Amino acid sequence: MARFRRQGAVLRTAEAIPAHSVGKRRREPQVEQWIDARELAKLLAVSTDWIYENAASGELPSYVFGGNRRFRLSEVEAWATEQARGRRARRANGRTT
């Protein structure tokens, strides 16, 4: 039987690896990606002034840490998807804005 050494103790294979986790990869927790206003402006191809104005008004989801505004990439993507859906719905109803 194969043996593993953990912190000075000798463990048998069955003790070292629980049966329910055999064959499964352990996933590391995903860290949410944060970007600043300059990076977001570049990503969306808009000015940083537009980013700051929409973030300050609450239109664009953002957070302020130590005086610096930051954006969660996943929330901005969800916001952009909602904006696109709203635009398509307005066009379908005959409105252009």
C-alpha atoms as a PDB file:
ATOM      1  CA  MET A   1       0.000   0.000   0.000  1.00  0.00           C
ATOM      2  CA  ALA A   2       1.350   3.438  -0.888  1.00  0.00           C
ATOM      3  CA  ARG A   3       2.085   5.813   1.937  1.00  0.00           C
ATOM      4  CA  PHE A   4       2.053   9.582   2.183  1.00  0.00           C
ATOM      5  CA  ARG A   5       3.940  11.708   4.693  1.00  0.00           C
ATOM      6  CA  ARG A   6       2.095  14.720   6.112  1.00  0.00           C
ATOM      7  CA  GLN A   7       3.595  16.838   8.888  1.00  0.00           C
ATOM      8  CA  GLY A   8       5.605  13.936  10.266  1.00  0.00           C
ATOM      9  CA  ALA A   9       2.677  11.495  10.332  1.00  0.00           C
ATOM     10  CA  VAL A  10       2.456   8.499   8.035  1.00  0.00           C
ATOM     11  CA  LEU A  11      -0.924   8.102   6.346  1.00  0.00           C
ATOM     12  CA  ARG A  12      -2.187   5.255   4.240  1.00  0.00           C
ATOM     13  CA  THR A  13      -3.659   6.046   0.819  1.00  0.00           C
ATOM     14  CA  ALA A  14      -7.265   5.496   1.941  1.00  0.00           C
ATOM     15  CA  GLU A  15      -6.751   7.851   4.882  1.00  0.00           C
ATOM     16  CA  ALA A  16      -5.034  10.519   2.810  1.00  0.00           C
ATOM     17  CA  ILE A  17      -7.662  10.777   0.079  1.00  0.00           C
ATOM     18  CA  PRO A  18     -11.350  10.605   1.043  1.00  0.00           C
ATOM     19  CA  ALA A  19     -13.363   8.278  -1.209  1.00  0.00           C
ATOM     20  CA  HIS A  20     -15.760  11.035  -2.317  1.00  0.00           C
ATOM     21  CA  SER A  21     -12.899  13.147  -3.684  1.00  0.00           C
ATOM     22  CA  VAL A  22     -11.040  10.481  -5.644  1.00  0.00           C
ATOM     23  CA  GLY A  23     -10.784  11.520  -9.292  1.00  0.00           C
ATOM     24  CA  LYS A  24     -11.995  15.070  -8.646  1.00  0.00           C
ATOM     25  CA  ARG A  25      -9.795  18.100  -9.011  1.00  0.00           C
ATOM     26  CA  ARG A  26      -9.745  20.493  -6.141  1.00  0.00           C
ATOM     27  CA  ARG A  27     -10.862  23.920  -7.289  1.00  0.00           C
ATOM     28  CA  GLU A  28      -9.218  26.991  -5.932  1.00  0.00           C
ATOM     29  CA  PRO A  29     -11.613  29.853  -5.119  1.00  0.00           C
ATOM     30  CA  GLN A  30     -11.880  32.339  -7.955  1.00  0.00           C
ATOM     31  CA  VAL A  31     -10.897  35.888  -7.113  1.00  0.00           C
ATOM     32  CA  GLU A  32     -13.138  38.483  -8.699  1.00  0.00           C
ATOM     33  CA  GLN A  33     -11.275  40.687 -11.161  1.00  0.00           C
ATOM     34  CA  TRP A  34     -11.369  44.423 -10.405  1.00  0.00           C
ATOM     35  CA  ILE A  35     -10.413  47.166 -12.847  1.00  0.00           C
ATOM     36  CA  ASP A  36     -10.033  50.921 -12.550  1.00  0.00           C
ATOM     37  CA  ALA A  37     -11.824  53.649 -14.525  1.00  0.00           C
ATOM     38  CA  ARG A  38      -8.999  54.023 -17.048  1.00  0.00           C
ATOM     39  CA  GLU A  39      -9.001  50.296 -17.852  1.00  0.00           C
ATOM     40  CA  LEU A  40     -12.804  50.236 -18.104  1.00  0.00           C
ATOM     41  CA  ALA A  41     -12.853  53.280 -20.393  1.00  0.00           C
ATOM     42  CA  LYS A  42     -10.386  51.555 -22.677  1.00  0.00           C
ATOM     43  CA  LEU A  43     -12.391  48.321 -22.601  1.00  0.00           C
ATOM     44  CA  LEU A  44     -15.688  50.085 -23.437  1.00  0.00           C
ATOM     45  CA  ALA A  45     -14.080  52.581 -25.839  1.00  0.00           C
ATOM     46  CA  VAL A  46     -15.457  55.609 -23.990  1.00  0.00           C
ATOM     47  CA  SER A  47     -13.844  58.492 -22.129  1.00  0.00           C
ATOM     48  CA  THR A  48     -12.862  58.234 -18.477  1.00  0.00           C
ATOM     49  CA  ASP A  49     -15.128  61.251 -17.838  1.00  0.00           C
ATOM     50  CA  TRP A  50     -18.100  59.188 -19.085  1.00  0.00           C
ATOM     51  CA  ILE A  51     -17.092  56.332 -16.777  1.00  0.00           C
ATOM     52  CA  TYR A  52     -16.809  58.599 -13.722  1.00  0.00           C
ATOM     53  CA  GLU A  53     -20.081  60.418 -14.472  1.00  0.00           C
ATOM     54  CA  ASN A  54     -22.086  57.218 -14.891  1.00  0.00           C
ATOM     55  CA  ALA A  55     -20.463  55.575 -11.881  1.00  0.00           C
ATOM     56  CA  ALA A  56     -21.124  58.603  -9.654  1.00  0.00           C
ATOM     57  CA  SER A  57     -24.778  58.704 -10.731  1.00  0.00           C
ATOM     58  CA  GLY A  58     -25.203  55.008  -9.902  1.00  0.00           C
ATOM     59  CA  GLU A  59     -25.909  54.033 -13.497  1.00  0.00           C
ATOM     60  CA  LEU A  60     -22.672  52.043 -13.778  1.00  0.00           C
ATOM     61  CA  PRO A  61     -21.957  49.617 -10.889  1.00  0.00           C
ATOM     62  CA  SER A  62     -18.809  50.620  -8.998  1.00  0.00           C
ATOM     63  CA  TYR A  63     -17.139  50.722  -5.588  1.00  0.00           C
ATOM     64  CA  VAL A  64     -14.823  53.243  -3.956  1.00  0.00           C
ATOM     65  CA  PHE A  65     -11.813  51.986  -1.994  1.00  0.00           C
ATOM     66  CA  GLY A  66      -9.585  54.559  -0.347  1.00  0.00           C
ATOM     67  CA  GLY A  67     -10.781  57.271  -2.710  1.00  0.00           C
ATOM     68  CA  ASN A  68     -10.233  55.124  -5.815  1.00  0.00           C
ATOM     69  CA  ARG A  69     -13.190  53.952  -7.873  1.00  0.00           C
ATOM     70  CA  ARG A  70     -13.062  50.278  -8.893  1.00  0.00           C
ATOM     71  CA  PHE A  71     -15.309  48.109 -11.023  1.00  0.00           C
ATOM     72  CA  ARG A  72     -16.020  44.388 -10.876  1.00  0.00           C
ATOM     73  CA  LEU A  73     -15.620  43.064 -14.374  1.00  0.00           C
ATOM     74  CA  SER A  74     -18.512  40.602 -13.972  1.00  0.00           C
ATOM     75  CA  GLU A  75     -20.898  43.370 -12.845  1.00  0.00           C
ATOM     76  CA  VAL A  76     -19.906  45.637 -15.731  1.00  0.00           C
ATOM     77  CA  GLU A  77     -20.466  42.761 -18.172  1.00  0.00           C
ATOM     78  CA  ALA A  78     -23.934  42.133 -16.682  1.00  0.00           C
ATOM     79  CA  TRP A  79     -24.692  45.870 -16.851  1.00  0.00           C
ATOM     80  CA  ALA A  80     -23.614  46.027 -20.512  1.00  0.00           C
ATOM     81  CA  THR A  81     -25.779  43.003 -21.347  1.00  0.00           C
ATOM     82  CA  GLU A  82     -28.784  44.686 -19.692  1.00  0.00           C
ATOM     83  CA  GLN A  83     -28.104  47.886 -21.634  1.00  0.00           C
ATOM     84  CA  ALA A  84     -28.019  45.938 -24.900  1.00  0.00           C
ATOM     85  CA  ARG A  85     -31.276  44.145 -24.058  1.00  0.00           C
ATOM     86  CA  GLY A  86     -32.980  47.442 -23.257  1.00  0.00           C
ATOM     87  CA  ARG A  87     -31.751  48.988 -26.498  1.00  0.00           C
ATOM     88  CA  ARG A  88     -33.051  46.033 -28.530  1.00  0.00           C
ATOM     89  CA  ALA A  89     -36.429  46.219 -26.770  1.00  0.00           C
ATOM     90  CA  ARG A  90     -36.724  49.955 -27.473  1.00  0.00           C
ATOM     91  CA  ARG A  91     -35.915  49.383 -31.143  1.00  0.00           C
ATOM     92  CA  ALA A  92     -38.508  46.614 -31.347  1.00  0.00           C
ATOM     93  CA  ASN A  93     -41.110  49.025 -29.962  1.00  0.00           C
ATOM     94  CA  GLY A  94     -40.265  51.662 -32.556  1.00  0.00           C
ATOM     95  CA  ARG A  95     -38.210  53.940 -30.290  1.00  0.00           C
ATOM     96  CA  THR A  96     -34.644  54.823 -31.246  1.00  0.00           C
ATOM     97  CA  THR A  97     -33.288  55.921 -27.830  1.00  0.00           C
END
